[in-house]
């Protein structure tokens, strides 16, 4: 630690003065400078090089938890605290999300369905539970609204639609795309927020015709639809906000 302190103030105070203030001889400092890096330091250097490689491969989308998981998957033994410390020291930062802005208009007179999903996001088979939501994204055409439907079994987008305005046809088309490609059996569950587009008679009629049970998040509770919120977060942070 003393030798590192001597190096830290190089150019501000003479070497003799720095060594005297820290209670060490110049010969000890020179010996430390000639000493090869420790095995720990060499291992850290290799680890940082591997993290930097992964950082470029995933387009700067991994924070320390996912970085550590990726390293372990590649056969690199390391702790989460060590990964976080080295990433911080070497300026390896994940992309940061922007401030959240709600797109849900729940001030309507249409009927609101109960929260049947109840945050049971693990599903045993495909086409049993779908979750839907709307967000806005920046494109070369300007700001557009994006409606998606995810199958909670695979977390795959099974239906989506873009439009310049947040309207009922936007979410209806996303739903119809999913129904045309997946054909779920009667009794499947559709979950969304309680926005006016999802609570509208047109949307509810399509769900009823498709044999769906309707579930809606509680008012102001984005965690009830956390899977789609997480998808939007990853989409914007990793692929849109460059």
C-alpha atoms as a PDB file:
ATOM      1  CA  UNK A   1       0.000   0.000   0.000  1.00  0.00           C
ATOM      2  CA  UNK A   2       2.846   2.379   0.774  1.00  0.00           C
ATOM      3  CA  UNK A   3       4.486   1.744  -2.604  1.00  0.00           C
ATOM      4  CA  UNK A   4       1.223   2.397  -4.396  1.00  0.00           C
ATOM      5  CA  UNK A   5       0.868   5.652  -2.454  1.00  0.00           C
ATOM      6  CA  UNK A   6       4.347   6.666  -3.592  1.00  0.00           C
ATOM      7  CA  UNK A   7       3.307   6.103  -7.199  1.00  0.00           C
ATOM      8  CA  UNK A   8       0.007   7.918  -6.740  1.00  0.00           C
ATOM      9  CA  UNK A   9       1.706  11.238  -5.908  1.00  0.00           C
ATOM     10  CA  UNK A  10       4.384  11.008  -8.578  1.00  0.00           C
ATOM     11  CA  UNK A  11       5.186  14.439 -10.017  1.00  0.00           C
ATOM     12  CA  UNK A  12       3.764  16.356  -7.048  1.00  0.00           C
ATOM     13  CA  UNK A  13       6.411  15.579  -4.416  1.00  0.00           C
ATOM     14  CA  UNK A  14       9.963  14.308  -4.823  1.00  0.00           C
ATOM     15  CA  UNK A  15      10.548  10.589  -4.416  1.00  0.00           C
ATOM     16  CA  UNK A  16      12.809  11.149  -1.394  1.00  0.00           C
ATOM     17  CA  UNK A  17      10.127  13.219   0.322  1.00  0.00           C
ATOM     18  CA  UNK A  18       7.344  10.726  -0.471  1.00  0.00           C
ATOM     19  CA  UNK A  19       9.346   7.820   0.912  1.00  0.00           C
ATOM     20  CA  UNK A  20      10.260   9.783   4.045  1.00  0.00           C
ATOM     21  CA  UNK A  21       6.640  10.724   4.719  1.00  0.00           C
ATOM     22  CA  UNK A  22       5.569   7.102   4.413  1.00  0.00           C
ATOM     23  CA  UNK A  23       8.427   5.762   6.533  1.00  0.00           C
ATOM     24  CA  UNK A  24      10.107   3.624   3.872  1.00  0.00           C
ATOM     25  CA  UNK A  25      13.449   3.661   2.056  1.00  0.00           C
ATOM     26  CA  UNK A  26      13.928   4.341  -1.606  1.00  0.00           C
ATOM     27  CA  UNK A  27      15.682   1.002  -2.030  1.00  0.00           C
ATOM     28  CA  UNK A  28      12.566  -0.777  -0.761  1.00  0.00           C
ATOM     29  CA  UNK A  29      10.473   1.158  -3.258  1.00  0.00           C
ATOM     30  CA  UNK A  30      12.800   0.270  -6.151  1.00  0.00           C
ATOM     31  CA  UNK A  31      12.756  -3.380  -5.084  1.00  0.00           C
ATOM     32  CA  UNK A  32       8.955  -3.339  -5.115  1.00  0.00           C
ATOM     33  CA  UNK A  33       8.954  -1.839  -8.615  1.00  0.00           C
ATOM     34  CA  UNK A  34      11.211  -4.640  -9.904  1.00  0.00           C
ATOM     35  CA  UNK A  35       9.099  -7.355  -8.287  1.00  0.00           C
ATOM     36  CA  UNK A  36       6.957  -9.287 -10.819  1.00  0.00           C
ATOM     37  CA  UNK A  37       3.178  -9.145 -10.447  1.00  0.00           C
ATOM     38  CA  UNK A  38       1.731 -11.592  -7.948  1.00  0.00           C
ATOM     39  CA  UNK A  39      -0.249 -14.590  -9.125  1.00  0.00           C
ATOM     40  CA  UNK A  40      -3.391 -12.866  -7.899  1.00  0.00           C
ATOM     41  CA  UNK A  41      -2.608  -9.753  -9.946  1.00  0.00           C
ATOM     42  CA  UNK A  42      -1.902 -11.870 -13.018  1.00  0.00           C
ATOM     43  CA  UNK A  43      -5.178 -13.734 -12.533  1.00  0.00           C
ATOM     44  CA  UNK A  44      -7.031 -10.419 -12.209  1.00  0.00           C
ATOM     45  CA  UNK A  45      -5.459  -9.198 -15.451  1.00  0.00           C
ATOM     46  CA  UNK A  46      -6.639 -12.293 -17.301  1.00  0.00           C
ATOM     47  CA  UNK A  47     -10.083 -11.974 -15.726  1.00  0.00           C
ATOM     48  CA  UNK A  48     -10.407  -8.333 -16.798  1.00  0.00           C
ATOM     49  CA  UNK A  49      -9.369  -9.245 -20.344  1.00  0.00           C
ATOM     50  CA  UNK A  50     -12.052 -11.949 -20.477  1.00  0.00           C
ATOM     51  CA  UNK A  51     -14.680  -9.579 -19.048  1.00  0.00           C
ATOM     52  CA  UNK A  52     -13.763  -6.947 -21.609  1.00  0.00           C
ATOM     53  CA  UNK A  53     -14.177  -9.532 -24.372  1.00  0.00           C
ATOM     54  CA  UNK A  54     -17.609 -10.544 -23.050  1.00  0.00           C
ATOM     55  CA  UNK A  55     -18.544  -6.889 -22.629  1.00  0.00           C
ATOM     56  CA  UNK A  56     -18.006  -6.320 -26.358  1.00  0.00           C
ATOM     57  CA  UNK A  57     -19.750  -9.547 -27.383  1.00  0.00           C
ATOM     58  CA  UNK A  58     -22.973  -8.713 -25.508  1.00  0.00           C
ATOM     59  CA  UNK A  59     -22.940  -5.065 -26.604  1.00  0.00           C
ATOM     60  CA  UNK A  60     -22.328  -3.678 -23.081  1.00  0.00           C
ATOM     61  CA  UNK A  61     -25.564  -5.189 -21.745  1.00  0.00           C
ATOM     62  CA  UNK A  62     -24.211  -7.185 -18.747  1.00  0.00           C
ATOM     63  CA  UNK A  63     -23.874  -5.872 -15.231  1.00  0.00           C
ATOM     64  CA  UNK A  64     -21.796  -7.737 -12.650  1.00  0.00           C
ATOM     65  CA  UNK A  65     -24.403 -10.470 -11.843  1.00  0.00           C
ATOM     66  CA  UNK A  66     -24.840 -11.583 -15.445  1.00  0.00           C
ATOM     67  CA  UNK A  67     -21.136 -11.051 -16.149  1.00  0.00           C
ATOM     68  CA  UNK A  68     -20.272 -13.433 -13.328  1.00  0.00           C
ATOM     69  CA  UNK A  69     -22.779 -16.012 -14.591  1.00  0.00           C
ATOM     70  CA  UNK A  70     -21.258 -15.818 -18.067  1.00  0.00           C
ATOM     71  CA  UNK A  71     -17.739 -16.233 -16.708  1.00  0.00           C
ATOM     72  CA  UNK A  72     -18.759 -19.303 -14.707  1.00  0.00           C
ATOM     73  CA  UNK A  73     -20.452 -20.740 -17.806  1.00  0.00           C
ATOM     74  CA  UNK A  74     -17.133 -20.338 -19.636  1.00  0.00           C
ATOM     75  CA  UNK A  75     -15.270 -22.186 -16.908  1.00  0.00           C
ATOM     76  CA  UNK A  76     -13.802 -19.156 -15.126  1.00  0.00           C
ATOM     77  CA  UNK A  77     -13.957 -19.507 -11.335  1.00  0.00           C
ATOM     78  CA  UNK A  78     -14.678 -16.136  -9.695  1.00  0.00           C
ATOM     79  CA  UNK A  79     -16.841 -14.601  -6.993  1.00  0.00           C
ATOM     80  CA  UNK A  80     -19.524 -11.995  -7.605  1.00  0.00           C
ATOM     81  CA  UNK A  81     -17.785  -9.443  -5.370  1.00  0.00           C
ATOM     82  CA  UNK A  82     -14.507  -9.854  -7.256  1.00  0.00           C
ATOM     83  CA  UNK A  83     -16.237  -9.393 -10.598  1.00  0.00           C
ATOM     84  CA  UNK A  84     -18.088  -6.286  -9.370  1.00  0.00           C
ATOM     85  CA  UNK A  85     -14.889  -4.772  -7.948  1.00  0.00           C
ATOM     86  CA  UNK A  86     -12.823  -5.359 -11.102  1.00  0.00           C
ATOM     87  CA  UNK A  87     -15.578  -4.079 -13.372  1.00  0.00           C
ATOM     88  CA  UNK A  88     -15.814  -0.925 -11.270  1.00  0.00           C
ATOM     89  CA  UNK A  89     -12.036  -0.406 -11.205  1.00  0.00           C
ATOM     90  CA  UNK A  90     -11.629  -0.858 -14.962  1.00  0.00           C
ATOM     91  CA  UNK A  91     -14.673   1.098 -16.091  1.00  0.00           C
ATOM     92  CA  UNK A  92     -16.707  -1.830 -17.434  1.00  0.00           C
ATOM     93  CA  UNK A  93     -20.270  -0.540 -17.103  1.00  0.00           C
ATOM     94  CA  UNK A  94     -23.570  -1.915 -18.375  1.00  0.00           C
ATOM     95  CA  UNK A  95     -25.900   0.320 -20.327  1.00  0.00           C
ATOM     96  CA  UNK A  96     -28.214   2.290 -18.069  1.00  0.00           C
ATOM     97  CA  UNK A  97     -31.997   2.475 -18.402  1.00  0.00           C
ATOM     98  CA  UNK A  98     -33.807   5.770 -18.700  1.00  0.00           C
ATOM     99  CA  UNK A  99     -36.588   7.075 -16.521  1.00  0.00           C
ATOM    100  CA  UNK A 100     -39.826   5.093 -16.746  1.00  0.00           C
ATOM    101  CA  UNK A 101     -42.913   6.813 -18.131  1.00  0.00           C
ATOM    102  CA  UNK A 102     -46.305   5.089 -17.816  1.00  0.00           C
ATOM    103  CA  UNK A 103     -48.409   4.381 -20.918  1.00  0.00           C
ATOM    104  CA  UNK A 104     -51.427   2.948 -19.095  1.00  0.00           C
ATOM    105  CA  UNK A 105     -54.699   4.870 -19.110  1.00  0.00           C
ATOM    106  CA  UNK A 106     -56.797   3.256 -16.395  1.00  0.00           C
ATOM    107  CA  UNK A 107     -59.261   6.142 -16.091  1.00  0.00           C
ATOM    108  CA  UNK A 108     -62.097   4.497 -18.019  1.00  0.00           C
ATOM    109  CA  UNK A 109     -65.540   3.060 -17.265  1.00  0.00           C
ATOM    110  CA  UNK A 110     -64.968  -0.400 -18.806  1.00  0.00           C
ATOM    111  CA  UNK A 111     -64.943  -3.491 -16.626  1.00  0.00           C
ATOM    112  CA  UNK A 112     -61.598  -4.521 -15.114  1.00  0.00           C
ATOM    113  CA  UNK A 113     -60.705  -8.202 -14.746  1.00  0.00           C
ATOM    114  CA  UNK A 114     -59.231  -9.611 -11.510  1.00  0.00           C
ATOM    115  CA  UNK A 115     -55.559 -10.481 -11.256  1.00  0.00           C
ATOM    116  CA  UNK A 116     -55.844 -14.214 -11.974  1.00  0.00           C
ATOM    117  CA  UNK A 117     -52.162 -14.546 -12.868  1.00  0.00           C
ATOM    118  CA  UNK A 118     -51.085 -13.437  -9.368  1.00  0.00           C
ATOM    119  CA  UNK A 119     -47.432 -13.252 -10.433  1.00  0.00           C
ATOM    120  CA  UNK A 120     -47.264 -16.959 -11.284  1.00  0.00           C
ATOM    121  CA  UNK A 121     -44.778 -16.361 -14.094  1.00  0.00           C
ATOM    122  CA  UNK A 122     -43.498 -19.937 -14.367  1.00  0.00           C
ATOM    123  CA  UNK A 123     -45.687 -21.871 -16.819  1.00  0.00           C
ATOM    124  CA  UNK A 124     -45.451 -25.592 -17.586  1.00  0.00           C
ATOM    125  CA  UNK A 125     -46.403 -25.587 -21.287  1.00  0.00           C
ATOM    126  CA  UNK A 126     -46.716 -23.197 -24.254  1.00  0.00           C
ATOM    127  CA  UNK A 127     -49.886 -21.304 -25.158  1.00  0.00           C
ATOM    128  CA  UNK A 128     -51.338 -21.496 -21.659  1.00  0.00           C
ATOM    129  CA  UNK A 129     -50.509 -17.999 -20.397  1.00  0.00           C
ATOM    130  CA  UNK A 130     -49.817 -14.921 -22.508  1.00  0.00           C
ATOM    131  CA  UNK A 131     -48.888 -11.479 -21.190  1.00  0.00           C
ATOM    132  CA  UNK A 132     -49.269  -8.235 -23.101  1.00  0.00           C
ATOM    133  CA  UNK A 133     -48.248  -4.616 -22.716  1.00  0.00           C
ATOM    134  CA  UNK A 134     -47.442  -1.443 -24.679  1.00  0.00           C
ATOM    135  CA  UNK A 135     -44.412   0.838 -24.666  1.00  0.00           C
ATOM    136  CA  UNK A 136     -42.909   3.477 -26.950  1.00  0.00           C
ATOM    137  CA  UNK A 137     -39.627   3.179 -28.846  1.00  0.00           C
ATOM    138  CA  UNK A 138     -37.482   5.489 -30.956  1.00  0.00           C
ATOM    139  CA  UNK A 139     -37.131   4.521 -34.627  1.00  0.00           C
ATOM    140  CA  UNK A 140     -35.926   6.159 -37.824  1.00  0.00           C
ATOM    141  CA  UNK A 141     -39.549   7.161 -38.384  1.00  0.00           C
ATOM    142  CA  UNK A 142     -39.713   8.860 -34.983  1.00  0.00           C
ATOM    143  CA  UNK A 143     -41.481   7.723 -31.806  1.00  0.00           C
ATOM    144  CA  UNK A 144     -43.722   4.688 -32.266  1.00  0.00           C
ATOM    145  CA  UNK A 145     -45.803   2.640 -29.851  1.00  0.00           C
ATOM    146  CA  UNK A 146     -44.989  -1.056 -29.606  1.00  0.00           C
ATOM    147  CA  UNK A 147     -47.520  -3.647 -28.434  1.00  0.00           C
ATOM    148  CA  UNK A 148     -46.241  -7.149 -27.687  1.00  0.00           C
ATOM    149  CA  UNK A 149     -47.626 -10.464 -26.477  1.00  0.00           C
ATOM    150  CA  UNK A 150     -45.268 -12.890 -24.722  1.00  0.00           C
ATOM    151  CA  UNK A 151     -45.815 -16.571 -24.087  1.00  0.00           C
ATOM    152  CA  UNK A 152     -44.758 -16.937 -20.441  1.00  0.00           C
ATOM    153  CA  UNK A 153     -43.632 -20.529 -21.037  1.00  0.00           C
ATOM    154  CA  UNK A 154     -40.767 -19.571 -23.373  1.00  0.00           C
ATOM    155  CA  UNK A 155     -40.794 -15.768 -22.870  1.00  0.00           C
ATOM    156  CA  UNK A 156     -41.022 -15.542 -26.649  1.00  0.00           C
ATOM    157  CA  UNK A 157     -42.817 -12.713 -28.449  1.00  0.00           C
ATOM    158  CA  UNK A 158     -45.720 -14.404 -30.228  1.00  0.00           C
ATOM    159  CA  UNK A 159     -47.416 -11.238 -31.458  1.00  0.00           C
ATOM    160  CA  UNK A 160     -46.417  -7.609 -31.891  1.00  0.00           C
ATOM    161  CA  UNK A 161     -47.418  -4.417 -33.703  1.00  0.00           C
ATOM    162  CA  UNK A 162     -46.074  -0.872 -34.164  1.00  0.00           C
ATOM    163  CA  UNK A 163     -48.124   2.299 -34.646  1.00  0.00           C
ATOM    164  CA  UNK A 164     -47.624   6.063 -34.313  1.00  0.00           C
ATOM    165  CA  UNK A 165     -50.517   6.323 -31.832  1.00  0.00           C
ATOM    166  CA  UNK A 166     -51.644   4.333 -28.815  1.00  0.00           C
ATOM    167  CA  UNK A 167     -55.005   3.028 -30.015  1.00  0.00           C
ATOM    168  CA  UNK A 168     -57.206  -0.038 -29.710  1.00  0.00           C
ATOM    169  CA  UNK A 169     -56.284  -1.357 -33.211  1.00  0.00           C
ATOM    170  CA  UNK A 170     -52.618  -1.418 -32.110  1.00  0.00           C
ATOM    171  CA  UNK A 171     -53.135  -3.960 -29.326  1.00  0.00           C
ATOM    172  CA  UNK A 172     -55.832  -5.814 -31.273  1.00  0.00           C
ATOM    173  CA  UNK A 173     -53.532  -6.457 -34.209  1.00  0.00           C
ATOM    174  CA  UNK A 174     -50.791  -7.756 -31.906  1.00  0.00           C
ATOM    175  CA  UNK A 175     -53.325 -10.141 -30.353  1.00  0.00           C
ATOM    176  CA  UNK A 176     -54.647 -11.306 -33.715  1.00  0.00           C
ATOM    177  CA  UNK A 177     -51.129 -11.993 -34.993  1.00  0.00           C
ATOM    178  CA  UNK A 178     -50.510 -14.210 -31.966  1.00  0.00           C
ATOM    179  CA  UNK A 179     -53.833 -16.013 -32.368  1.00  0.00           C
ATOM    180  CA  UNK A 180     -53.245 -16.686 -36.066  1.00  0.00           C
ATOM    181  CA  UNK A 181     -49.828 -18.238 -35.426  1.00  0.00           C
ATOM    182  CA  UNK A 182     -50.410 -20.085 -32.130  1.00  0.00           C
ATOM    183  CA  UNK A 183     -54.093 -21.172 -31.895  1.00  0.00           C
ATOM    184  CA  UNK A 184     -54.253 -21.634 -28.079  1.00  0.00           C
ATOM    185  CA  UNK A 185     -56.803 -24.067 -26.682  1.00  0.00           C
ATOM    186  CA  UNK A 186     -59.852 -22.724 -24.797  1.00  0.00           C
ATOM    187  CA  UNK A 187     -59.153 -21.887 -21.187  1.00  0.00           C
ATOM    188  CA  UNK A 188     -55.816 -20.153 -21.746  1.00  0.00           C
ATOM    189  CA  UNK A 189     -55.026 -17.024 -19.708  1.00  0.00           C
ATOM    190  CA  UNK A 190     -54.410 -13.547 -21.115  1.00  0.00           C
ATOM    191  CA  UNK A 191     -52.804 -11.036 -18.732  1.00  0.00           C
ATOM    192  CA  UNK A 192     -52.331  -7.294 -19.224  1.00  0.00           C
ATOM    193  CA  UNK A 193     -52.585  -4.020 -17.360  1.00  0.00           C
ATOM    194  CA  UNK A 194     -55.983  -2.372 -16.922  1.00  0.00           C
ATOM    195  CA  UNK A 195     -55.510   0.152 -19.728  1.00  0.00           C
ATOM    196  CA  UNK A 196     -58.479   1.273 -21.781  1.00  0.00           C
ATOM    197  CA  UNK A 197     -57.214  -0.553 -24.875  1.00  0.00           C
ATOM    198  CA  UNK A 198     -57.254  -3.929 -23.113  1.00  0.00           C
ATOM    199  CA  UNK A 199     -60.502  -3.299 -21.241  1.00  0.00           C
ATOM    200  CA  UNK A 200     -62.348  -2.180 -24.380  1.00  0.00           C
ATOM    201  CA  UNK A 201     -65.299  -4.184 -25.654  1.00  0.00           C
ATOM    202  CA  UNK A 202     -63.539  -4.905 -28.963  1.00  0.00           C
ATOM    203  CA  UNK A 203     -60.522  -6.439 -27.293  1.00  0.00           C
ATOM    204  CA  UNK A 204     -62.564  -8.382 -24.770  1.00  0.00           C
ATOM    205  CA  UNK A 205     -64.775  -9.758 -27.559  1.00  0.00           C
ATOM    206  CA  UNK A 206     -61.747 -11.177 -29.373  1.00  0.00           C
ATOM    207  CA  UNK A 207     -60.498 -12.767 -26.152  1.00  0.00           C
ATOM    208  CA  UNK A 208     -63.897 -14.315 -25.477  1.00  0.00           C
ATOM    209  CA  UNK A 209     -64.111 -15.689 -28.999  1.00  0.00           C
ATOM    210  CA  UNK A 210     -60.633 -17.225 -28.599  1.00  0.00           C
ATOM    211  CA  UNK A 211     -61.670 -18.958 -25.378  1.00  0.00           C
ATOM    212  CA  UNK A 212     -59.405 -16.899 -23.126  1.00  0.00           C
ATOM    213  CA  UNK A 213     -59.703 -16.077 -19.450  1.00  0.00           C
ATOM    214  CA  UNK A 214     -58.829 -12.449 -18.792  1.00  0.00           C
ATOM    215  CA  UNK A 215     -56.459 -11.273 -16.052  1.00  0.00           C
ATOM    216  CA  UNK A 216     -55.334  -7.716 -15.297  1.00  0.00           C
ATOM    217  CA  UNK A 217     -52.715  -6.189 -13.039  1.00  0.00           C
ATOM    218  CA  UNK A 218     -53.698  -4.257  -9.979  1.00  0.00           C
ATOM    219  CA  UNK A 219     -53.865  -0.494 -10.348  1.00  0.00           C
ATOM    220  CA  UNK A 220     -50.419   1.118 -10.512  1.00  0.00           C
ATOM    221  CA  UNK A 221     -48.636  -2.198  -9.902  1.00  0.00           C
ATOM    222  CA  UNK A 222     -46.154  -2.875 -12.725  1.00  0.00           C
ATOM    223  CA  UNK A 223     -44.757  -5.910 -10.857  1.00  0.00           C
ATOM    224  CA  UNK A 224     -47.934  -7.843 -11.702  1.00  0.00           C
ATOM    225  CA  UNK A 225     -46.744  -7.818 -15.322  1.00  0.00           C
ATOM    226  CA  UNK A 226     -43.042  -8.059 -14.569  1.00  0.00           C
ATOM    227  CA  UNK A 227     -42.080 -10.399 -17.425  1.00  0.00           C
ATOM    228  CA  UNK A 228     -43.165  -7.983 -20.143  1.00  0.00           C
ATOM    229  CA  UNK A 229     -41.722  -5.029 -18.227  1.00  0.00           C
ATOM    230  CA  UNK A 230     -38.399  -6.889 -18.055  1.00  0.00           C
ATOM    231  CA  UNK A 231     -38.544  -7.572 -21.798  1.00  0.00           C
ATOM    232  CA  UNK A 232     -39.131  -3.890 -22.557  1.00  0.00           C
ATOM    233  CA  UNK A 233     -36.259  -2.927 -20.248  1.00  0.00           C
ATOM    234  CA  UNK A 234     -33.860  -5.291 -22.014  1.00  0.00           C
ATOM    235  CA  UNK A 235     -35.053  -4.250 -25.475  1.00  0.00           C
ATOM    236  CA  UNK A 236     -34.556  -0.541 -24.819  1.00  0.00           C
ATOM    237  CA  UNK A 237     -31.364  -0.782 -22.805  1.00  0.00           C
ATOM    238  CA  UNK A 238     -29.543  -3.349 -24.949  1.00  0.00           C
ATOM    239  CA  UNK A 239     -30.838  -2.683 -28.466  1.00  0.00           C
ATOM    240  CA  UNK A 240     -32.421   0.763 -28.807  1.00  0.00           C
ATOM    241  CA  UNK A 241     -30.611   3.259 -26.529  1.00  0.00           C
ATOM    242  CA  UNK A 242     -27.212   3.328 -28.181  1.00  0.00           C
END
